[in-house]
Amino acid sequence: MERPVTRTLLATFIEYAAVGKMKPLEWDRFIVAHYLDPQMEAARRECGRILGGSELRGVTDEKLDALRSLADKLRSGNLGTER
């Protein structure tokens, strides 16, 4: 049985995905899934947007910084969810 996806676990996935250490099943588990927690949902959408799909298409330094910042904000609970 898989452990539940928490903010910390999602943040760790984002950091791994940023450096190309993501497996296709992990993409499905973390990014295809939807979350009731508004910050986790916002982080999921932003990560998918930055990476541009399940295949890494070259993570630039700018994208790497954005993903790391996203993970940090998610862990600290400082991810704004307002539009």
C-alpha atoms as a PDB file:
ATOM      1  CA  MET A   1       0.000   0.000   0.000  1.00  0.00           C
ATOM      2  CA  GLU A   2       1.351   3.416  -0.974  1.00  0.00           C
ATOM      3  CA  ARG A   3       1.609   6.096   1.641  1.00  0.00           C
ATOM      4  CA  PRO A   4      -0.652   9.116   1.220  1.00  0.00           C
ATOM      5  CA  VAL A   5       0.667  12.061  -0.743  1.00  0.00           C
ATOM      6  CA  THR A   6       1.454  14.887   1.657  1.00  0.00           C
ATOM      7  CA  ARG A   7       2.778  18.373   0.931  1.00  0.00           C
ATOM      8  CA  THR A   8       6.275  17.203   1.857  1.00  0.00           C
ATOM      9  CA  LEU A   9       6.082  14.150  -0.393  1.00  0.00           C
ATOM     10  CA  LEU A  10       4.762  16.211  -3.317  1.00  0.00           C
ATOM     11  CA  ALA A  11       7.535  18.777  -2.751  1.00  0.00           C
ATOM     12  CA  THR A  12      10.138  15.993  -2.811  1.00  0.00           C
ATOM     13  CA  PHE A  13       8.679  14.668  -6.065  1.00  0.00           C
ATOM     14  CA  ILE A  14       8.897  18.163  -7.595  1.00  0.00           C
ATOM     15  CA  GLU A  15      12.577  18.382  -6.649  1.00  0.00           C
ATOM     16  CA  TYR A  16      13.293  14.942  -8.128  1.00  0.00           C
ATOM     17  CA  ALA A  17      11.384  15.771 -11.298  1.00  0.00           C
ATOM     18  CA  ALA A  18      13.388  18.993 -11.646  1.00  0.00           C
ATOM     19  CA  VAL A  19      16.628  17.032 -11.934  1.00  0.00           C
ATOM     20  CA  GLY A  20      15.233  14.254 -14.120  1.00  0.00           C
ATOM     21  CA  LYS A  21      14.892  11.577 -11.436  1.00  0.00           C
ATOM     22  CA  MET A  22      11.222  10.973 -12.146  1.00  0.00           C
ATOM     23  CA  LYS A  23       9.665   7.739 -13.360  1.00  0.00           C
ATOM     24  CA  PRO A  24       6.521   7.610 -15.536  1.00  0.00           C
ATOM     25  CA  LEU A  25       4.499   5.982 -12.749  1.00  0.00           C
ATOM     26  CA  GLU A  26       5.510   8.795 -10.403  1.00  0.00           C
ATOM     27  CA  TRP A  27       4.233  11.358 -12.894  1.00  0.00           C
ATOM     28  CA  ASP A  28       0.880   9.584 -12.841  1.00  0.00           C
ATOM     29  CA  ARG A  29       0.831   9.378  -9.054  1.00  0.00           C
ATOM     30  CA  PHE A  30       1.777  12.972  -8.334  1.00  0.00           C
ATOM     31  CA  ILE A  31       0.818  15.117 -11.334  1.00  0.00           C
ATOM     32  CA  VAL A  32      -2.119  13.346 -12.950  1.00  0.00           C
ATOM     33  CA  ALA A  33      -3.797  12.998  -9.535  1.00  0.00           C
ATOM     34  CA  HIS A  34      -5.838  15.861  -8.074  1.00  0.00           C
ATOM     35  CA  TYR A  35      -5.723  17.101  -4.482  1.00  0.00           C
ATOM     36  CA  LEU A  36      -8.316  18.568  -2.135  1.00  0.00           C
ATOM     37  CA  ASP A  37      -5.617  20.699  -0.502  1.00  0.00           C
ATOM     38  CA  PRO A  38      -5.585  23.984  -2.498  1.00  0.00           C
ATOM     39  CA  GLN A  39      -1.819  24.477  -2.136  1.00  0.00           C
ATOM     40  CA  MET A  40      -1.044  20.951  -3.283  1.00  0.00           C
ATOM     41  CA  GLU A  41      -3.392  21.359  -6.239  1.00  0.00           C
ATOM     42  CA  ALA A  42      -1.774  24.676  -7.187  1.00  0.00           C
ATOM     43  CA  ALA A  43       1.696  23.105  -6.922  1.00  0.00           C
ATOM     44  CA  ARG A  44       0.605  20.125  -9.040  1.00  0.00           C
ATOM     45  CA  ARG A  45      -0.702  22.384 -11.810  1.00  0.00           C
ATOM     46  CA  GLU A  46       2.357  24.661 -11.739  1.00  0.00           C
ATOM     47  CA  CYS A  47       4.781  21.724 -11.834  1.00  0.00           C
ATOM     48  CA  GLY A  48       2.948  20.249 -14.824  1.00  0.00           C
ATOM     49  CA  ARG A  49       3.006  23.612 -16.577  1.00  0.00           C
ATOM     50  CA  ILE A  50       6.715  24.142 -15.950  1.00  0.00           C
ATOM     51  CA  LEU A  51       7.703  20.651 -17.062  1.00  0.00           C
ATOM     52  CA  GLY A  52       5.335  20.694 -20.034  1.00  0.00           C
ATOM     53  CA  GLY A  53       4.137  17.109 -19.811  1.00  0.00           C
ATOM     54  CA  SER A  54       5.339  13.781 -18.543  1.00  0.00           C
ATOM     55  CA  GLU A  55       8.553  13.906 -20.545  1.00  0.00           C
ATOM     56  CA  LEU A  56      11.225  16.339 -19.450  1.00  0.00           C
ATOM     57  CA  ARG A  57      11.894  18.702 -22.319  1.00  0.00           C
ATOM     58  CA  GLY A  58      15.079  20.179 -21.057  1.00  0.00           C
ATOM     59  CA  VAL A  59      14.949  21.842 -17.683  1.00  0.00           C
ATOM     60  CA  THR A  60      16.617  25.219 -17.974  1.00  0.00           C
ATOM     61  CA  ASP A  61      18.221  26.907 -14.984  1.00  0.00           C
ATOM     62  CA  GLU A  62      15.181  29.181 -14.822  1.00  0.00           C
ATOM     63  CA  LYS A  63      12.804  26.198 -14.690  1.00  0.00           C
ATOM     64  CA  LEU A  64      14.989  24.451 -12.138  1.00  0.00           C
ATOM     65  CA  ASP A  65      14.891  27.526  -9.901  1.00  0.00           C
ATOM     66  CA  ALA A  66      11.118  27.807 -10.326  1.00  0.00           C
ATOM     67  CA  LEU A  67      10.587  24.142  -9.389  1.00  0.00           C
ATOM     68  CA  ARG A  68      12.851  24.395  -6.349  1.00  0.00           C
ATOM     69  CA  SER A  69      11.052  27.549  -5.222  1.00  0.00           C
ATOM     70  CA  LEU A  70       7.707  25.829  -5.741  1.00  0.00           C
ATOM     71  CA  ALA A  71       8.798  22.889  -3.563  1.00  0.00           C
ATOM     72  CA  ASP A  72      10.077  25.238  -0.835  1.00  0.00           C
ATOM     73  CA  LYS A  73       6.842  27.239  -0.811  1.00  0.00           C
ATOM     74  CA  LEU A  74       4.756  24.069  -0.678  1.00  0.00           C
ATOM     75  CA  ARG A  75       6.740  22.737   2.292  1.00  0.00           C
ATOM     76  CA  SER A  76       6.457  26.027   4.177  1.00  0.00           C
ATOM     77  CA  GLY A  77       2.773  26.519   3.391  1.00  0.00           C
ATOM     78  CA  ASN A  78       3.505  29.825   1.649  1.00  0.00           C
ATOM     79  CA  LEU A  79       2.196  28.900  -1.775  1.00  0.00           C
ATOM     80  CA  GLY A  80      -0.389  31.500  -2.706  1.00  0.00           C
ATOM     81  CA  THR A  81      -3.490  29.916  -4.167  1.00  0.00           C
ATOM     82  CA  GLU A  82      -5.418  33.038  -5.044  1.00  0.00           C
ATOM     83  CA  ARG A  83      -5.900  33.938  -8.673  1.00  0.00           C
END
